[in-house]
Amino acid sequence: MRSNLITIVLLNYNHSKLIPRAIDAIKNQTLKPYKLIIGDDASTDNSIEIINRNIEGFDWITLKENKKNLGVIGNANELQKSVTTKYFLSAAADDFLLPDYLERAEYLLNKFENV
């Protein structure tokens, strides 16, 4: 099942060793996000290759590659422009979400609509 409320934006810069764990944690959520948008901030390691390998076959996951390094805030701002849901979660490549994180978040967002 997928959320209609929450998109996750995942920021990456030269974290090829960590990004698979972050992507897997999102792919394995009990409630999938509406979209996962990964923003690579002009990494100089093999992040792009690793990300592409880990998102193949998942049509709700997209990769946006910055041509030049925008920094954390610039990358986050650029990704936020692609969000169409009411809420979004900004995460970093070294973040790890517990399997029911999104399910709990959506439950609370629905329960407390004035959040």
Protein backbone atom coordinates (compact mmCIF):
# COMPACT_ATOMS: atom_id res chain seq x y z
CA MET A 1 0.00 0.00 0.00
CA ARG A 2 1.16 3.55 -0.75
CA SER A 3 0.58 6.85 0.97
CA ASN A 4 -1.31 9.63 -0.77
CA LEU A 5 -0.02 12.17 1.75
CA ILE A 6 3.73 11.73 2.02
CA THR A 7 6.64 11.94 -0.41
CA ILE A 8 10.19 11.25 0.73
CA VAL A 9 13.07 13.27 -0.66
CA LEU A 10 16.41 11.57 -0.10
CA LEU A 11 19.57 13.68 -0.30
CA ASN A 12 22.83 12.14 -1.43
CA TYR A 13 26.37 13.34 -1.92
CA ASN A 14 29.18 10.79 -2.14
CA HIS A 15 27.45 8.24 0.09
CA SER A 16 27.62 5.26 -2.25
CA LYS A 17 28.33 2.96 0.70
CA LEU A 18 25.31 4.18 2.72
CA ILE A 19 22.64 4.97 0.13
CA PRO A 20 21.57 1.32 -0.51
CA ARG A 21 20.59 0.92 3.16
CA ALA A 22 18.58 4.15 3.09
CA ILE A 23 16.80 3.17 -0.14
CA ASP A 24 16.06 -0.35 1.13
CA ALA A 25 14.63 1.05 4.37
CA ILE A 26 12.21 3.15 2.32
CA LYS A 27 11.35 0.36 -0.13
CA ASN A 28 10.60 -1.91 2.84
CA GLN A 29 8.20 0.44 4.63
CA THR A 30 4.89 -1.12 5.67
CA LEU A 31 3.29 1.91 3.98
CA LYS A 32 5.24 3.07 0.94
CA PRO A 33 5.57 6.80 0.26
CA TYR A 34 3.65 8.29 -2.62
CA LYS A 35 7.03 8.92 -4.23
CA LEU A 36 10.67 8.65 -3.32
CA ILE A 37 12.71 11.34 -5.01
CA ILE A 38 16.46 10.90 -4.67
CA GLY A 39 18.60 13.94 -5.29
CA ASP A 40 22.23 13.30 -6.05
CA ASP A 41 24.25 16.47 -5.53
CA ALA A 42 26.91 15.92 -8.23
CA SER A 43 28.61 13.04 -6.42
CA THR A 44 32.13 12.17 -7.50
CA ASP A 45 31.95 8.56 -6.30
CA ASN A 46 29.88 5.77 -7.87
CA SER A 47 26.63 6.86 -6.16
CA ILE A 48 24.68 7.21 -9.42
CA GLU A 49 25.48 3.65 -10.48
CA ILE A 50 24.55 2.29 -7.05
CA ILE A 51 21.31 4.31 -6.88
CA ASN A 52 20.22 3.25 -10.37
CA ARG A 53 20.86 -0.38 -9.51
CA ASN A 54 18.78 -0.07 -6.31
CA ILE A 55 15.78 1.70 -7.85
CA GLU A 56 15.42 -0.36 -11.01
CA GLY A 57 11.86 -1.63 -11.39
CA PHE A 58 10.34 0.78 -8.86
CA ASP A 59 8.25 3.28 -10.85
CA TRP A 60 7.49 5.38 -7.74
CA ILE A 61 11.19 6.14 -7.23
CA THR A 62 13.00 8.78 -9.29
CA LEU A 63 16.55 10.05 -9.35
CA LYS A 64 17.35 13.68 -9.97
CA GLU A 65 21.00 14.38 -10.73
CA ASN A 66 22.36 17.86 -10.08
CA LYS A 67 24.85 18.95 -12.72
CA LYS A 68 26.75 20.96 -10.11
CA ASN A 69 26.94 20.67 -6.35
CA LEU A 70 24.21 22.77 -4.72
CA GLY A 71 24.97 21.89 -1.11
CA VAL A 72 22.52 20.28 1.30
CA ILE A 73 20.05 23.16 1.43
CA GLY A 74 20.19 23.79 -2.32
CA ASN A 75 19.68 20.11 -3.07
CA ALA A 76 16.75 19.90 -0.62
CA ASN A 77 15.14 23.03 -2.08
CA GLU A 78 15.50 21.67 -5.61
CA LEU A 79 13.89 18.34 -4.66
CA GLN A 80 11.07 20.04 -2.79
CA LYS A 81 9.95 21.60 -6.09
CA SER A 82 9.00 18.10 -7.32
CA VAL A 83 6.80 17.25 -4.32
CA THR A 84 3.07 17.16 -5.07
CA THR A 85 1.80 15.64 -1.81
CA LYS A 86 0.61 17.59 1.23
CA TYR A 87 3.61 16.45 3.30
CA PHE A 88 7.16 15.42 2.63
CA LEU A 89 10.00 13.96 4.63
CA SER A 90 13.51 15.11 3.89
CA ALA A 91 16.02 12.37 4.65
CA ALA A 92 19.75 11.95 4.08
CA ALA A 93 21.61 9.01 2.60
CA ASP A 94 22.89 8.07 6.04
CA ASP A 95 19.38 7.98 7.56
CA PHE A 96 17.64 4.71 8.27
CA LEU A 97 13.87 4.55 8.74
CA LEU A 98 12.32 1.82 10.84
CA PRO A 99 9.88 -0.32 8.80
CA ASP A 100 6.68 1.24 10.16
CA TYR A 101 7.87 4.86 10.28
CA LEU A 102 5.69 6.10 7.42
CA GLU A 103 2.65 4.15 8.57
CA ARG A 104 2.88 5.72 12.03
CA ALA A 105 3.53 9.18 10.61
CA GLU A 106 0.49 9.02 8.33
CA TYR A 107 -1.68 7.74 11.16
CA LEU A 108 -0.67 10.71 13.32
CA LEU A 109 -1.10 13.19 10.47
CA ASN A 110 -4.64 11.91 9.92
CA LYS A 111 -5.44 11.86 13.63
CA PHE A 112 -4.14 15.37 14.26
CA GLU A 113 -5.12 17.19 11.08
CA ASN A 114 -4.06 20.60 12.42
CA VAL A 115 -0.42 19.56 12.68
